[in-house]
């Protein structure tokens, strides 16, 4: 059976999901994360969200509000919104 993009543990798809997933891997010190993995279930908290916002700014030039990270706790959700005007 093939893994669908909505299955638990599904790999990131698209440039933005891959960017967010790479940052999550670094911040959480993980080898890989799925597109539906949850920030809070991985151990996320406000200080890690600040680190993620900083990494998005430094690596991709994106100014992502902290609230956007905290309110959209999966790779797929966050990636879908990071390039939209706030």
N, C-alpha and C. Protein backbone atom coordinates (compact mmCIF):
# COMPACT_ATOMS: atom_id res chain seq x y z
N UNK A 1 0.84 -1.17 0.00
CA UNK A 1 0.00 0.00 0.00
C UNK A 1 0.89 1.24 0.00
N UNK A 2 0.59 2.20 -0.85
CA UNK A 2 1.41 3.41 -0.92
C UNK A 2 0.97 4.41 0.13
N UNK A 3 1.91 5.22 0.56
CA UNK A 3 1.65 6.22 1.58
C UNK A 3 1.05 7.46 0.93
N UNK A 4 -0.12 7.89 1.38
CA UNK A 4 -0.74 9.08 0.82
C UNK A 4 -0.24 10.31 1.54
N UNK A 5 -0.45 11.47 0.93
CA UNK A 5 0.04 12.71 1.52
C UNK A 5 -0.71 13.09 2.78
N UNK A 6 -1.85 12.45 3.05
CA UNK A 6 -2.61 12.76 4.26
C UNK A 6 -2.44 11.71 5.35
N UNK A 7 -1.67 10.67 5.09
CA UNK A 7 -1.45 9.62 6.08
C UNK A 7 -0.53 10.12 7.19
N UNK A 8 -0.70 9.61 8.41
CA UNK A 8 0.23 9.97 9.49
C UNK A 8 1.66 9.62 9.08
N UNK A 9 2.58 10.50 9.35
CA UNK A 9 3.98 10.27 8.99
C UNK A 9 4.31 10.56 7.55
N UNK A 10 3.33 11.05 6.77
CA UNK A 10 3.58 11.36 5.36
C UNK A 10 4.68 12.40 5.24
N UNK A 11 5.57 12.22 4.28
CA UNK A 11 6.68 13.18 4.14
C UNK A 11 6.18 14.54 3.65
N UNK A 12 6.94 15.58 3.94
CA UNK A 12 6.59 16.91 3.45
C UNK A 12 6.54 16.91 1.93
N UNK A 13 5.68 17.76 1.40
CA UNK A 13 5.62 17.90 -0.05
C UNK A 13 5.66 19.39 -0.38
N UNK A 14 6.39 19.69 -1.40
CA UNK A 14 6.51 21.09 -1.81
C UNK A 14 7.62 21.80 -1.07
N UNK A 15 8.07 22.86 -1.66
CA UNK A 15 9.21 23.63 -1.15
C UNK A 15 8.96 24.19 0.26
N UNK A 16 7.79 24.75 0.50
CA UNK A 16 7.52 25.35 1.80
C UNK A 16 7.43 24.30 2.90
N UNK A 17 6.78 23.18 2.64
CA UNK A 17 6.73 22.12 3.64
C UNK A 17 8.12 21.56 3.92
N UNK A 18 8.92 21.42 2.89
CA UNK A 18 10.28 20.91 3.09
C UNK A 18 11.11 21.90 3.92
N UNK A 19 10.93 23.19 3.68
CA UNK A 19 11.63 24.21 4.46
C UNK A 19 11.23 24.13 5.93
N UNK A 20 9.92 24.11 6.19
CA UNK A 20 9.44 24.04 7.58
C UNK A 20 9.91 22.74 8.23
N UNK A 21 9.81 21.62 7.53
CA UNK A 21 10.23 20.34 8.08
C UNK A 21 11.72 20.33 8.41
N UNK A 22 12.54 20.91 7.56
CA UNK A 22 13.99 20.96 7.83
C UNK A 22 14.28 21.77 9.09
N UNK A 23 13.57 22.86 9.27
CA UNK A 23 13.77 23.68 10.47
C UNK A 23 13.30 22.91 11.70
N UNK A 24 12.16 22.24 11.60
CA UNK A 24 11.68 21.45 12.73
C UNK A 24 12.68 20.35 13.08
N UNK A 25 13.22 19.68 12.08
CA UNK A 25 14.22 18.64 12.35
C UNK A 25 15.39 19.20 13.13
N UNK A 26 15.85 20.37 12.73
CA UNK A 26 16.98 21.00 13.42
C UNK A 26 16.61 21.42 14.83
N UNK A 27 15.49 22.09 14.98
CA UNK A 27 15.08 22.61 16.28
C UNK A 27 14.77 21.48 17.27
N UNK A 28 14.10 20.44 16.79
CA UNK A 28 13.75 19.32 17.66
C UNK A 28 14.82 18.23 17.69
N UNK A 29 15.88 18.41 16.93
CA UNK A 29 16.96 17.42 16.83
C UNK A 29 16.40 16.05 16.43
N UNK A 30 15.65 16.05 15.32
CA UNK A 30 15.07 14.84 14.78
C UNK A 30 15.63 14.56 13.39
N UNK A 31 15.60 13.30 13.00
CA UNK A 31 16.07 12.93 11.67
C UNK A 31 15.06 13.31 10.59
N UNK A 32 13.75 13.16 10.91
CA UNK A 32 12.71 13.54 9.96
C UNK A 32 11.41 13.82 10.70
N UNK A 33 10.57 14.63 10.07
CA UNK A 33 9.22 14.87 10.58
C UNK A 33 8.25 14.74 9.41
N UNK A 34 7.03 14.34 9.72
CA UNK A 34 5.99 14.22 8.71
C UNK A 34 5.22 15.52 8.57
N UNK A 35 4.51 15.64 7.47
CA UNK A 35 3.78 16.88 7.20
C UNK A 35 2.63 17.12 8.17
N UNK A 36 2.19 16.07 8.87
CA UNK A 36 1.10 16.23 9.83
C UNK A 36 1.56 16.05 11.27
N UNK A 37 2.88 15.99 11.49
CA UNK A 37 3.38 15.92 12.86
C UNK A 37 3.03 17.22 13.58
N UNK A 38 2.72 17.10 14.86
CA UNK A 38 2.24 18.23 15.64
C UNK A 38 3.36 18.85 16.48
N UNK A 39 3.51 20.15 16.35
CA UNK A 39 4.51 20.92 17.08
C UNK A 39 4.49 20.62 18.58
N UNK A 40 3.31 20.60 19.16
CA UNK A 40 3.19 20.39 20.60
C UNK A 40 3.47 18.95 21.00
N UNK A 41 3.04 18.00 20.18
CA UNK A 41 3.32 16.59 20.48
C UNK A 41 4.80 16.27 20.38
N UNK A 42 5.53 17.04 19.58
CA UNK A 42 6.98 16.85 19.47
C UNK A 42 7.73 17.51 20.62
N UNK A 43 7.01 18.24 21.46
CA UNK A 43 7.64 18.91 22.60
C UNK A 43 7.77 20.42 22.42
N UNK A 44 7.05 20.96 21.45
CA UNK A 44 7.13 22.39 21.16
C UNK A 44 6.57 23.26 22.28
N UNK A 45 7.16 24.43 22.39
CA UNK A 45 6.71 25.45 23.35
C UNK A 45 7.12 26.81 22.81
N UNK A 46 6.79 27.86 23.51
CA UNK A 46 6.98 29.22 22.99
C UNK A 46 8.44 29.53 22.65
N UNK A 47 9.37 29.06 23.44
CA UNK A 47 10.78 29.35 23.15
C UNK A 47 11.24 28.67 21.86
N UNK A 48 10.77 27.47 21.60
CA UNK A 48 11.10 26.81 20.34
C UNK A 48 10.41 27.49 19.17
N UNK A 49 9.21 28.00 19.39
CA UNK A 49 8.51 28.74 18.33
C UNK A 49 9.29 30.00 17.97
N UNK A 50 9.86 30.66 18.96
CA UNK A 50 10.70 31.84 18.71
C UNK A 50 11.92 31.44 17.88
N UNK A 51 12.52 30.32 18.21
CA UNK A 51 13.67 29.84 17.46
C UNK A 51 13.28 29.53 16.01
N UNK A 52 12.10 28.93 15.83
CA UNK A 52 11.63 28.62 14.48
C UNK A 52 11.39 29.89 13.67
N UNK A 53 10.76 30.87 14.28
CA UNK A 53 10.51 32.14 13.59
C UNK A 53 11.83 32.78 13.17
N UNK A 54 12.81 32.72 14.04
CA UNK A 54 14.13 33.27 13.74
C UNK A 54 14.79 32.52 12.58
N UNK A 55 14.68 31.19 12.59
CA UNK A 55 15.27 30.39 11.51
C UNK A 55 14.58 30.65 10.18
N UNK A 56 13.26 30.81 10.18
CA UNK A 56 12.53 31.13 8.95
C UNK A 56 12.98 32.48 8.41
N UNK A 57 13.21 33.43 9.29
CA UNK A 57 13.69 34.75 8.87
C UNK A 57 15.12 34.65 8.32
N UNK A 58 15.99 33.95 9.04
CA UNK A 58 17.40 33.88 8.66
C UNK A 58 17.64 33.04 7.41
N UNK A 59 16.92 31.94 7.25
CA UNK A 59 17.18 31.04 6.13
C UNK A 59 16.39 31.38 4.88
N UNK A 60 15.18 31.96 5.06
CA UNK A 60 14.32 32.20 3.90
C UNK A 60 13.85 33.65 3.78
N UNK A 61 14.28 34.49 4.71
CA UNK A 61 13.86 35.89 4.65
C UNK A 61 12.39 36.10 4.95
N UNK A 62 11.77 35.15 5.65
CA UNK A 62 10.34 35.23 5.95
C UNK A 62 10.13 35.76 7.37
N UNK A 63 9.29 36.77 7.49
CA UNK A 63 8.91 37.30 8.80
C UNK A 63 7.61 36.63 9.20
N UNK A 64 7.73 35.61 10.02
CA UNK A 64 6.58 34.81 10.43
C UNK A 64 6.23 35.16 11.87
N UNK A 65 5.03 35.69 12.10
CA UNK A 65 4.63 36.01 13.47
C UNK A 65 4.60 34.77 14.35
N UNK A 66 5.01 34.94 15.57
CA UNK A 66 5.03 33.84 16.52
C UNK A 66 3.65 33.19 16.64
N UNK A 67 2.62 33.98 16.66
CA UNK A 67 1.25 33.46 16.79
C UNK A 67 0.91 32.52 15.64
N UNK A 68 1.43 32.77 14.44
CA UNK A 68 1.17 31.91 13.28
C UNK A 68 1.73 30.52 13.53
N UNK A 69 2.91 30.45 14.12
CA UNK A 69 3.53 29.17 14.44
C UNK A 69 2.73 28.44 15.51
N UNK A 70 2.36 29.16 16.56
CA UNK A 70 1.65 28.55 17.68
C UNK A 70 0.24 28.11 17.31
N UNK A 71 -0.41 28.82 16.40
CA UNK A 71 -1.78 28.50 16.03
C UNK A 71 -1.90 27.50 14.88
N UNK A 72 -0.81 27.17 14.23
CA UNK A 72 -0.80 26.24 13.09
C UNK A 72 0.29 25.20 13.33
N UNK A 73 -0.02 24.21 14.18
CA UNK A 73 1.02 23.34 14.73
C UNK A 73 1.49 22.17 13.89
N UNK A 74 1.13 22.11 12.61
CA UNK A 74 1.69 21.04 11.79
C UNK A 74 2.53 21.65 10.67
N UNK A 75 3.43 20.87 10.14
CA UNK A 75 4.26 21.32 9.02
C UNK A 75 3.37 21.80 7.87
N UNK A 76 2.34 21.02 7.53
CA UNK A 76 1.48 21.35 6.40
C UNK A 76 0.72 22.66 6.65
N UNK A 77 0.16 22.82 7.85
CA UNK A 77 -0.60 24.03 8.15
C UNK A 77 0.29 25.27 8.10
N UNK A 78 1.43 25.19 8.75
CA UNK A 78 2.33 26.34 8.80
C UNK A 78 2.87 26.68 7.41
N UNK A 79 3.27 25.66 6.67
CA UNK A 79 3.83 25.89 5.34
C UNK A 79 2.81 26.55 4.42
N UNK A 80 1.55 26.20 4.57
CA UNK A 80 0.50 26.78 3.74
C UNK A 80 0.35 28.28 3.98
N UNK A 81 0.74 28.76 5.15
CA UNK A 81 0.51 30.16 5.52
C UNK A 81 1.74 31.05 5.57
N UNK A 82 2.93 30.51 5.54
CA UNK A 82 4.12 31.33 5.80
C UNK A 82 4.38 32.41 4.75
N UNK A 83 3.91 32.22 3.55
CA UNK A 83 4.16 33.22 2.51
C UNK A 83 2.97 34.13 2.24
N UNK A 84 1.88 33.94 2.99
CA UNK A 84 0.72 34.82 2.83
C UNK A 84 0.95 36.09 3.63
N UNK A 85 0.49 37.22 3.13
CA UNK A 85 0.62 38.47 3.89
C UNK A 85 -0.11 38.38 5.21
N UNK A 86 0.50 38.94 6.24
CA UNK A 86 -0.13 38.92 7.57
C UNK A 86 -0.71 40.25 7.93
